[in-house]
């Protein structure tokens, strides 16, 4: 009976020893798995921080592109206003040129009427004066007429010089206004070309911006997906870690 009891105790002790060894093996396995999970957790956190930095850089680039777009739109609006101003200035200059031409035409008609009036007055005086006075007057008028005729025929005459000077001055003014109008048109043409170029640049920039935004959105979506996957993996690893710690405590008990 005592021998049987000793054998039972020995058998029980051997069983406990084997059980303890199995638990120690399980504990070592769990500790190795726990170390691997902790290493994976650190790596996942590093990847998460890297993705967050990339997202912040992408957001900064998007804000910079938006500011560039606003600046280009403001510049285009300014050029449009300047083009309208130049167009109105050219219209004013053309109106002034038309007014100057009308003044020249009125002056010519006035000179023609003045000559007709002089000739008519001479004819009336010749008809109503006495013969002697008429003769003297006719002689005088003929002399004046000849002088006037010579003066009108003479390129250096006072009358023609006065008319020529006024005509030259008007022609000069018209020429200057035409030059100014031509310059304004050339400037307006250049502004239109600049405006067209800016419009093309803005369209190119908008297409580039849209492509970049599309690319950034895709990258952001991928980063968010990776972020969610990383969070899920971290949560899963933390859950496994908790379970392993629970198993470890149970094994130690």
C-alpha atoms as a PDB file:
ATOM      1  CA  UNK A   1       0.000   0.000   0.000  1.00  0.00           C
ATOM      2  CA  UNK A   2       2.811   2.427   0.883  1.00  0.00           C
ATOM      3  CA  UNK A   3       4.685   1.404  -2.241  1.00  0.00           C
ATOM      4  CA  UNK A   4       1.613   2.062  -4.347  1.00  0.00           C
ATOM      5  CA  UNK A   5       1.204   5.467  -2.751  1.00  0.00           C
ATOM      6  CA  UNK A   6       4.849   6.293  -3.491  1.00  0.00           C
ATOM      7  CA  UNK A   7       4.388   5.195  -7.099  1.00  0.00           C
ATOM      8  CA  UNK A   8       1.261   7.309  -7.416  1.00  0.00           C
ATOM      9  CA  UNK A   9       3.079  10.330  -6.028  1.00  0.00           C
ATOM     10  CA  UNK A  10       6.004   9.697  -8.360  1.00  0.00           C
ATOM     11  CA  UNK A  11       3.693   9.299 -11.339  1.00  0.00           C
ATOM     12  CA  UNK A  12       1.818  12.457 -10.425  1.00  0.00           C
ATOM     13  CA  UNK A  13       5.093  14.366 -10.039  1.00  0.00           C
ATOM     14  CA  UNK A  14       6.277  13.136 -13.431  1.00  0.00           C
ATOM     15  CA  UNK A  15       2.983  14.159 -15.026  1.00  0.00           C
ATOM     16  CA  UNK A  16       3.224  17.645 -13.507  1.00  0.00           C
ATOM     17  CA  UNK A  17       6.821  17.941 -14.722  1.00  0.00           C
ATOM     18  CA  UNK A  18       5.812  17.042 -18.285  1.00  0.00           C
ATOM     19  CA  UNK A  19       2.882  19.440 -18.110  1.00  0.00           C
ATOM     20  CA  UNK A  20       5.194  22.214 -16.880  1.00  0.00           C
ATOM     21  CA  UNK A  21       7.616  21.546 -19.715  1.00  0.00           C
ATOM     22  CA  UNK A  22       4.807  21.738 -22.270  1.00  0.00           C
ATOM     23  CA  UNK A  23       3.625  25.008 -20.759  1.00  0.00           C
ATOM     24  CA  UNK A  24       7.160  26.402 -20.862  1.00  0.00           C
ATOM     25  CA  UNK A  25       7.403  25.498 -24.550  1.00  0.00           C
ATOM     26  CA  UNK A  26       4.062  27.171 -25.202  1.00  0.00           C
ATOM     27  CA  UNK A  27       5.243  30.202 -23.208  1.00  0.00           C
ATOM     28  CA  UNK A  28       8.425  30.526 -25.289  1.00  0.00           C
ATOM     29  CA  UNK A  29       6.403  30.212 -28.486  1.00  0.00           C
ATOM     30  CA  UNK A  30       3.981  32.893 -27.303  1.00  0.00           C
ATOM     31  CA  UNK A  31       6.842  35.189 -26.244  1.00  0.00           C
ATOM     32  CA  UNK A  32       8.460  34.862 -29.693  1.00  0.00           C
ATOM     33  CA  UNK A  33       5.124  35.584 -31.388  1.00  0.00           C
ATOM     34  CA  UNK A  34       4.616  38.554 -29.058  1.00  0.00           C
ATOM     35  CA  UNK A  35       8.063  39.996 -29.948  1.00  0.00           C
ATOM     36  CA  UNK A  36       7.317  39.589 -33.662  1.00  0.00           C
ATOM     37  CA  UNK A  37       3.941  41.311 -33.270  1.00  0.00           C
ATOM     38  CA  UNK A  38       5.527  44.212 -31.369  1.00  0.00           C
ATOM     39  CA  UNK A  39       8.126  44.591 -34.135  1.00  0.00           C
ATOM     40  CA  UNK A  40       5.350  44.611 -36.772  1.00  0.00           C
ATOM     41  CA  UNK A  41       3.447  47.190 -34.718  1.00  0.00           C
ATOM     42  CA  UNK A  42       6.462  49.551 -34.649  1.00  0.00           C
ATOM     43  CA  UNK A  43       6.926  49.150 -38.417  1.00  0.00           C
ATOM     44  CA  UNK A  44       3.222  49.815 -39.042  1.00  0.00           C
ATOM     45  CA  UNK A  45       3.350  52.968 -36.904  1.00  0.00           C
ATOM     46  CA  UNK A  46       6.372  54.210 -38.883  1.00  0.00           C
ATOM     47  CA  UNK A  47       4.530  53.604 -42.153  1.00  0.00           C
ATOM     48  CA  UNK A  48       1.498  55.446 -40.794  1.00  0.00           C
ATOM     49  CA  UNK A  49       3.595  58.494 -39.833  1.00  0.00           C
ATOM     50  CA  UNK A  50       5.221  58.484 -43.294  1.00  0.00           C
ATOM     51  CA  UNK A  51       1.816  58.382 -45.009  1.00  0.00           C
ATOM     52  CA  UNK A  52       0.558  61.240 -42.840  1.00  0.00           C
ATOM     53  CA  UNK A  53       3.583  63.344 -43.856  1.00  0.00           C
ATOM     54  CA  UNK A  54       2.878  62.582 -47.530  1.00  0.00           C
ATOM     55  CA  UNK A  55      -0.759  63.619 -47.089  1.00  0.00           C
ATOM     56  CA  UNK A  56       0.276  66.939 -45.508  1.00  0.00           C
ATOM     57  CA  UNK A  57       2.711  67.606 -48.402  1.00  0.00           C
ATOM     58  CA  UNK A  58      -0.015  66.852 -50.958  1.00  0.00           C
ATOM     59  CA  UNK A  59      -2.428  69.194 -49.196  1.00  0.00           C
ATOM     60  CA  UNK A  60       0.232  71.958 -49.223  1.00  0.00           C
ATOM     61  CA  UNK A  61       0.799  71.480 -52.956  1.00  0.00           C
ATOM     62  CA  UNK A  62      -2.954  71.695 -53.611  1.00  0.00           C
ATOM     63  CA  UNK A  63      -3.187  74.972 -51.673  1.00  0.00           C
ATOM     64  CA  UNK A  64      -0.225  76.401 -53.656  1.00  0.00           C
ATOM     65  CA  UNK A  65      -1.867  75.482 -56.972  1.00  0.00           C
ATOM     66  CA  UNK A  66      -5.128  77.074 -55.861  1.00  0.00           C
ATOM     67  CA  UNK A  67      -3.307  80.333 -55.049  1.00  0.00           C
ATOM     68  CA  UNK A  68      -1.611  80.306 -58.469  1.00  0.00           C
ATOM     69  CA  UNK A  69      -4.972  79.827 -60.147  1.00  0.00           C
ATOM     70  CA  UNK A  70      -6.473  82.815 -58.289  1.00  0.00           C
ATOM     71  CA  UNK A  71      -3.475  85.015 -59.265  1.00  0.00           C
ATOM     72  CA  UNK A  72      -3.833  84.106 -62.945  1.00  0.00           C
ATOM     73  CA  UNK A  73      -7.559  84.818 -62.879  1.00  0.00           C
ATOM     74  CA  UNK A  74      -6.932  88.240 -61.300  1.00  0.00           C
ATOM     75  CA  UNK A  75      -4.315  89.068 -63.944  1.00  0.00           C
ATOM     76  CA  UNK A  76      -6.688  88.070 -66.740  1.00  0.00           C
ATOM     77  CA  UNK A  77      -9.441  90.304 -65.297  1.00  0.00           C
ATOM     78  CA  UNK A  78      -6.977  93.222 -65.084  1.00  0.00           C
ATOM     79  CA  UNK A  79      -5.965  92.782 -68.733  1.00  0.00           C
ATOM     80  CA  UNK A  80      -9.632  92.684 -69.760  1.00  0.00           C
ATOM     81  CA  UNK A  81     -10.250  95.986 -67.989  1.00  0.00           C
ATOM     82  CA  UNK A  82      -7.188  97.536 -69.663  1.00  0.00           C
ATOM     83  CA  UNK A  83      -8.366  96.294 -73.077  1.00  0.00           C
ATOM     84  CA  UNK A  84     -11.759  97.919 -72.579  1.00  0.00           C
ATOM     85  CA  UNK A  85     -10.058 101.165 -71.556  1.00  0.00           C
ATOM     86  CA  UNK A  86      -7.807 101.116 -74.653  1.00  0.00           C
ATOM     87  CA  UNK A  87     -10.789 100.396 -76.896  1.00  0.00           C
ATOM     88  CA  UNK A  88     -12.691 103.378 -75.472  1.00  0.00           C
ATOM     89  CA  UNK A  89      -9.605 105.604 -75.924  1.00  0.00           C
ATOM     90  CA  UNK A  90      -9.319 104.591 -79.589  1.00  0.00           C
ATOM     91  CA  UNK A  91     -13.000 105.349 -80.125  1.00  0.00           C
ATOM     92  CA  UNK A  92     -12.510 108.825 -78.627  1.00  0.00           C
ATOM     93  CA  UNK A  93      -9.517 109.487 -80.901  1.00  0.00           C
ATOM     94  CA  UNK A  94     -11.437 108.358 -83.980  1.00  0.00           C
ATOM     95  CA  UNK A  95     -14.319 110.641 -83.010  1.00  0.00           C
ATOM     96  CA  UNK A  96     -11.908 113.581 -82.629  1.00  0.00           C
ATOM     97  CA  UNK A  97     -10.434 112.834 -86.066  1.00  0.00           C
ATOM     98  CA  UNK A  98     -13.902 112.833 -87.650  1.00  0.00           C
ATOM     99  CA  UNK A  99     -14.676 116.142 -85.937  1.00  0.00           C
ATOM    100  CA  UNK A 100     -11.439 117.653 -87.288  1.00  0.00           C
ATOM    101  CA  UNK A 101     -12.279 116.554 -90.838  1.00  0.00           C
ATOM    102  CA  UNK A 102     -15.723 118.132 -90.519  1.00  0.00           C
ATOM    103  CA  UNK A 103     -14.113 121.410 -89.401  1.00  0.00           C
ATOM    104  CA  UNK A 104     -11.834 121.387 -92.455  1.00  0.00           C
ATOM    105  CA  UNK A 105     -14.812 120.844 -94.758  1.00  0.00           C
ATOM    106  CA  UNK A 106     -16.736 123.687 -93.074  1.00  0.00           C
ATOM    107  CA  UNK A 107     -13.717 125.999 -93.425  1.00  0.00           C
ATOM    108  CA  UNK A 108     -13.433 125.259 -97.161  1.00  0.00           C
ATOM    109  CA  UNK A 109     -17.142 125.954 -97.695  1.00  0.00           C
ATOM    110  CA  UNK A 110     -16.804 129.194 -95.744  1.00  0.00           C
ATOM    111  CA  UNK A 111     -13.877 130.341 -97.913  1.00  0.00           C
ATOM    112  CA  UNK A 112     -15.842 129.565-101.085  1.00  0.00           C
ATOM    113  CA  UNK A 113     -18.827 131.559 -99.789  1.00  0.00           C
ATOM    114  CA  UNK A 114     -16.543 134.439 -98.889  1.00  0.00           C
ATOM    115  CA  UNK A 115     -15.063 134.568-102.408  1.00  0.00           C
ATOM    116  CA  UNK A 116     -18.537 134.416-103.959  1.00  0.00           C
ATOM    117  CA  UNK A 117     -19.698 137.256-101.706  1.00  0.00           C
ATOM    118  CA  UNK A 118     -16.708 139.410-102.686  1.00  0.00           C
ATOM    119  CA  UNK A 119     -17.375 138.903-106.388  1.00  0.00           C
ATOM    120  CA  UNK A 120     -21.063 139.700-105.937  1.00  0.00           C
ATOM    121  CA  UNK A 121     -20.265 142.902-104.004  1.00  0.00           C
ATOM    122  CA  UNK A 122     -17.869 144.048-106.721  1.00  0.00           C
ATOM    123  CA  UNK A 123     -20.569 143.469-109.365  1.00  0.00           C
ATOM    124  CA  UNK A 124     -23.183 145.493-107.417  1.00  0.00           C
ATOM    125  CA  UNK A 125     -20.814 148.417-106.823  1.00  0.00           C
ATOM    126  CA  UNK A 126     -19.972 148.610-110.532  1.00  0.00           C
ATOM    127  CA  UNK A 127     -23.707 148.823-111.403  1.00  0.00           C
ATOM    128  CA  UNK A 128     -24.731 151.606-108.927  1.00  0.00           C
ATOM    129  CA  UNK A 129     -21.824 154.038-108.903  1.00  0.00           C
ATOM    130  CA  UNK A 130     -21.340 156.950-111.187  1.00  0.00           C
ATOM    131  CA  UNK A 131     -19.311 156.351-114.250  1.00  0.00           C
ATOM    132  CA  UNK A 132     -16.181 158.103-113.037  1.00  0.00           C
ATOM    133  CA  UNK A 133     -16.346 156.602-109.651  1.00  0.00           C
ATOM    134  CA  UNK A 134     -17.171 153.379-111.327  1.00  0.00           C
ATOM    135  CA  UNK A 135     -14.168 153.688-113.569  1.00  0.00           C
ATOM    136  CA  UNK A 136     -11.905 154.520-110.621  1.00  0.00           C
ATOM    137  CA  UNK A 137     -13.504 151.864-108.533  1.00  0.00           C
ATOM    138  CA  UNK A 138     -13.397 149.368-111.353  1.00  0.00           C
ATOM    139  CA  UNK A 139      -9.754 150.175-111.885  1.00  0.00           C
ATOM    140  CA  UNK A 140      -9.098 149.854-108.208  1.00  0.00           C
ATOM    141  CA  UNK A 141     -11.113 146.709-107.975  1.00  0.00           C
ATOM    142  CA  UNK A 142      -9.372 145.324-110.994  1.00  0.00           C
ATOM    143  CA  UNK A 143      -6.077 146.121-109.390  1.00  0.00           C
ATOM    144  CA  UNK A 144      -7.183 144.507-106.171  1.00  0.00           C
ATOM    145  CA  UNK A 145      -8.600 141.615-108.118  1.00  0.00           C
ATOM    146  CA  UNK A 146      -5.343 141.178-109.956  1.00  0.00           C
ATOM    147  CA  UNK A 147      -3.466 141.423-106.718  1.00  0.00           C
ATOM    148  CA  UNK A 148      -5.812 138.934-105.131  1.00  0.00           C
ATOM    149  CA  UNK A 149      -5.553 136.704-108.170  1.00  0.00           C
ATOM    150  CA  UNK A 150      -1.792 136.941-108.125  1.00  0.00           C
ATOM    151  CA  UNK A 151      -1.832 136.360-104.398  1.00  0.00           C
ATOM    152  CA  UNK A 152      -4.053 133.328-104.832  1.00  0.00           C
ATOM    153  CA  UNK A 153      -1.934 132.035-107.687  1.00  0.00           C
ATOM    154  CA  UNK A 154       1.284 132.746-105.834  1.00  0.00           C
ATOM    155  CA  UNK A 155       2.223 129.788-103.611  1.00  0.00           C
ATOM    156  CA  UNK A 156       3.923 132.262-101.301  1.00  0.00           C
ATOM    157  CA  UNK A 157       0.932 134.603-101.131  1.00  0.00           C
ATOM    158  CA  UNK A 158      -0.419 135.691 -97.764  1.00  0.00           C
ATOM    159  CA  UNK A 159      -3.894 134.254 -98.306  1.00  0.00           C
ATOM    160  CA  UNK A 160      -2.694 130.892 -99.544  1.00  0.00           C
ATOM    161  CA  UNK A 161       0.023 130.834 -96.929  1.00  0.00           C
ATOM    162  CA  UNK A 162      -2.568 131.392 -94.211  1.00  0.00           C
ATOM    163  CA  UNK A 163      -4.858 128.738 -95.661  1.00  0.00           C
ATOM    164  CA  UNK A 164      -1.912 126.429 -96.270  1.00  0.00           C
ATOM    165  CA  UNK A 165      -0.617 126.911 -92.731  1.00  0.00           C
ATOM    166  CA  UNK A 166      -4.036 126.165 -91.273  1.00  0.00           C
ATOM    167  CA  UNK A 167      -4.442 123.206 -93.633  1.00  0.00           C
ATOM    168  CA  UNK A 168      -0.960 121.907 -92.772  1.00  0.00           C
ATOM    169  CA  UNK A 169      -1.696 122.300 -89.087  1.00  0.00           C
ATOM    170  CA  UNK A 170      -4.942 120.370 -89.487  1.00  0.00           C
ATOM    171  CA  UNK A 171      -3.203 117.720 -91.601  1.00  0.00           C
ATOM    172  CA  UNK A 172      -0.472 117.441 -88.986  1.00  0.00           C
ATOM    173  CA  UNK A 173      -3.053 117.073 -86.241  1.00  0.00           C
ATOM    174  CA  UNK A 174      -4.914 114.460 -88.291  1.00  0.00           C
ATOM    175  CA  UNK A 175      -1.642 112.621 -88.979  1.00  0.00           C
ATOM    176  CA  UNK A 176      -0.718 112.684 -85.294  1.00  0.00           C
ATOM    177  CA  UNK A 177      -4.167 111.436 -84.356  1.00  0.00           C
ATOM    178  CA  UNK A 178      -3.956 108.701 -87.006  1.00  0.00           C
ATOM    179  CA  UNK A 179      -0.535 107.701 -85.671  1.00  0.00           C
ATOM    180  CA  UNK A 180      -1.921 107.684 -82.139  1.00  0.00           C
ATOM    181  CA  UNK A 181      -4.917 105.636 -83.291  1.00  0.00           C
ATOM    182  CA  UNK A 182      -2.620 103.205 -85.123  1.00  0.00           C
ATOM    183  CA  UNK A 183      -0.443 102.964 -82.022  1.00  0.00           C
ATOM    184  CA  UNK A 184      -3.511 102.383 -79.891  1.00  0.00           C
ATOM    185  CA  UNK A 185      -4.714  99.694 -82.263  1.00  0.00           C
ATOM    186  CA  UNK A 186      -1.288  98.058 -82.227  1.00  0.00           C
ATOM    187  CA  UNK A 187      -1.249  98.225 -78.440  1.00  0.00           C
ATOM    188  CA  UNK A 188      -4.761  96.805 -78.317  1.00  0.00           C
ATOM    189  CA  UNK A 189      -3.676  94.045 -80.714  1.00  0.00           C
ATOM    190  CA  UNK A 190      -0.720  93.241 -78.458  1.00  0.00           C
ATOM    191  CA  UNK A 191      -2.997  93.262 -75.415  1.00  0.00           C
ATOM    192  CA  UNK A 192      -5.402  90.927 -77.211  1.00  0.00           C
ATOM    193  CA  UNK A 193      -2.474  88.618 -78.064  1.00  0.00           C
ATOM    194  CA  UNK A 194      -1.280  88.738 -74.452  1.00  0.00           C
ATOM    195  CA  UNK A 195      -4.837  88.087 -73.293  1.00  0.00           C
ATOM    196  CA  UNK A 196      -5.142  85.128 -75.689  1.00  0.00           C
ATOM    197  CA  UNK A 197      -1.780  83.751 -74.498  1.00  0.00           C
ATOM    198  CA  UNK A 198      -2.796  84.186 -70.858  1.00  0.00           C
ATOM    199  CA  UNK A 199      -6.093  82.501 -71.605  1.00  0.00           C
ATOM    200  CA  UNK A 200      -4.233  79.549 -73.167  1.00  0.00           C
ATOM    201  CA  UNK A 201      -1.817  79.495 -70.209  1.00  0.00           C
ATOM    202  CA  UNK A 202      -4.745  79.524 -67.784  1.00  0.00           C
ATOM    203  CA  UNK A 203      -6.430  76.680 -69.683  1.00  0.00           C
ATOM    204  CA  UNK A 204      -3.173  74.692 -69.668  1.00  0.00           C
ATOM    205  CA  UNK A 205      -2.677  75.490 -65.978  1.00  0.00           C
ATOM    206  CA  UNK A 206      -6.274  74.486 -65.220  1.00  0.00           C
ATOM    207  CA  UNK A 207      -5.814  71.185 -67.058  1.00  0.00           C
ATOM    208  CA  UNK A 208      -2.557  70.633 -65.222  1.00  0.00           C
ATOM    209  CA  UNK A 209      -4.239  71.581 -61.960  1.00  0.00           C
ATOM    210  CA  UNK A 210      -7.127  69.217 -62.624  1.00  0.00           C
ATOM    211  CA  UNK A 211      -4.693  66.396 -63.496  1.00  0.00           C
ATOM    212  CA  UNK A 212      -2.646  67.085 -60.368  1.00  0.00           C
ATOM    213  CA  UNK A 213      -5.795  67.259 -58.238  1.00  0.00           C
ATOM    214  CA  UNK A 214      -6.980  63.986 -59.743  1.00  0.00           C
ATOM    215  CA  UNK A 215      -3.593  62.392 -59.072  1.00  0.00           C
ATOM    216  CA  UNK A 216      -3.515  63.815 -55.549  1.00  0.00           C
ATOM    217  CA  UNK A 217      -7.010  62.554 -54.875  1.00  0.00           C
ATOM    218  CA  UNK A 218      -6.011  59.082 -56.067  1.00  0.00           C
ATOM    219  CA  UNK A 219      -2.899  59.193 -53.900  1.00  0.00           C
ATOM    220  CA  UNK A 220      -4.973  60.458 -50.985  1.00  0.00           C
ATOM    221  CA  UNK A 221      -7.505  57.662 -51.494  1.00  0.00           C
ATOM    222  CA  UNK A 222      -4.700  55.092 -51.613  1.00  0.00           C
ATOM    223  CA  UNK A 223      -3.079  56.638 -48.536  1.00  0.00           C
ATOM    224  CA  UNK A 224      -6.405  56.593 -46.698  1.00  0.00           C
ATOM    225  CA  UNK A 225      -6.947  52.961 -47.721  1.00  0.00           C
ATOM    226  CA  UNK A 226      -3.444  52.079 -46.517  1.00  0.00           C
ATOM    227  CA  UNK A 227      -4.117  54.048 -43.349  1.00  0.00           C
ATOM    228  CA  UNK A 228      -7.358  52.144 -42.717  1.00  0.00           C
ATOM    229  CA  UNK A 229      -5.639  48.848 -43.491  1.00  0.00           C
ATOM    230  CA  UNK A 230      -2.778  49.758 -41.162  1.00  0.00           C
ATOM    231  CA  UNK A 231      -5.216  50.691 -38.400  1.00  0.00           C
ATOM    232  CA  UNK A 232      -7.057  47.407 -38.887  1.00  0.00           C
ATOM    233  CA  UNK A 233      -3.767  45.518 -38.784  1.00  0.00           C
ATOM    234  CA  UNK A 234      -2.664  47.416 -35.661  1.00  0.00           C
ATOM    235  CA  UNK A 235      -6.026  46.689 -34.035  1.00  0.00           C
ATOM    236  CA  UNK A 236      -5.709  43.014 -34.987  1.00  0.00           C
ATOM    237  CA  UNK A 237      -2.126  42.867 -33.693  1.00  0.00           C
ATOM    238  CA  UNK A 238      -3.113  44.606 -30.465  1.00  0.00           C
ATOM    239  CA  UNK A 239      -5.936  42.121 -30.060  1.00  0.00           C
ATOM    240  CA  UNK A 240      -3.532  39.218 -30.603  1.00  0.00           C
ATOM    241  CA  UNK A 241      -1.097  40.848 -28.196  1.00  0.00           C
ATOM    242  CA  UNK A 242      -3.801  41.106 -25.558  1.00  0.00           C
ATOM    243  CA  UNK A 243      -4.764  37.473 -26.089  1.00  0.00           C
ATOM    244  CA  UNK A 244      -1.125  36.383 -25.924  1.00  0.00           C
ATOM    245  CA  UNK A 245      -0.593  38.350 -22.733  1.00  0.00           C
ATOM    246  CA  UNK A 246      -3.697  36.669 -21.341  1.00  0.00           C
ATOM    247  CA  UNK A 247      -2.326  33.267 -22.321  1.00  0.00           C
ATOM    248  CA  UNK A 248       1.025  34.197 -20.788  1.00  0.00           C
ATOM    249  CA  UNK A 249      -0.590  35.149 -17.487  1.00  0.00           C
ATOM    250  CA  UNK A 250      -2.627  31.933 -17.582  1.00  0.00           C
ATOM    251  CA  UNK A 251       0.514  29.887 -18.242  1.00  0.00           C
ATOM    252  CA  UNK A 252       2.388  31.580 -15.415  1.00  0.00           C
ATOM    253  CA  UNK A 253      -0.502  30.864 -13.073  1.00  0.00           C
END
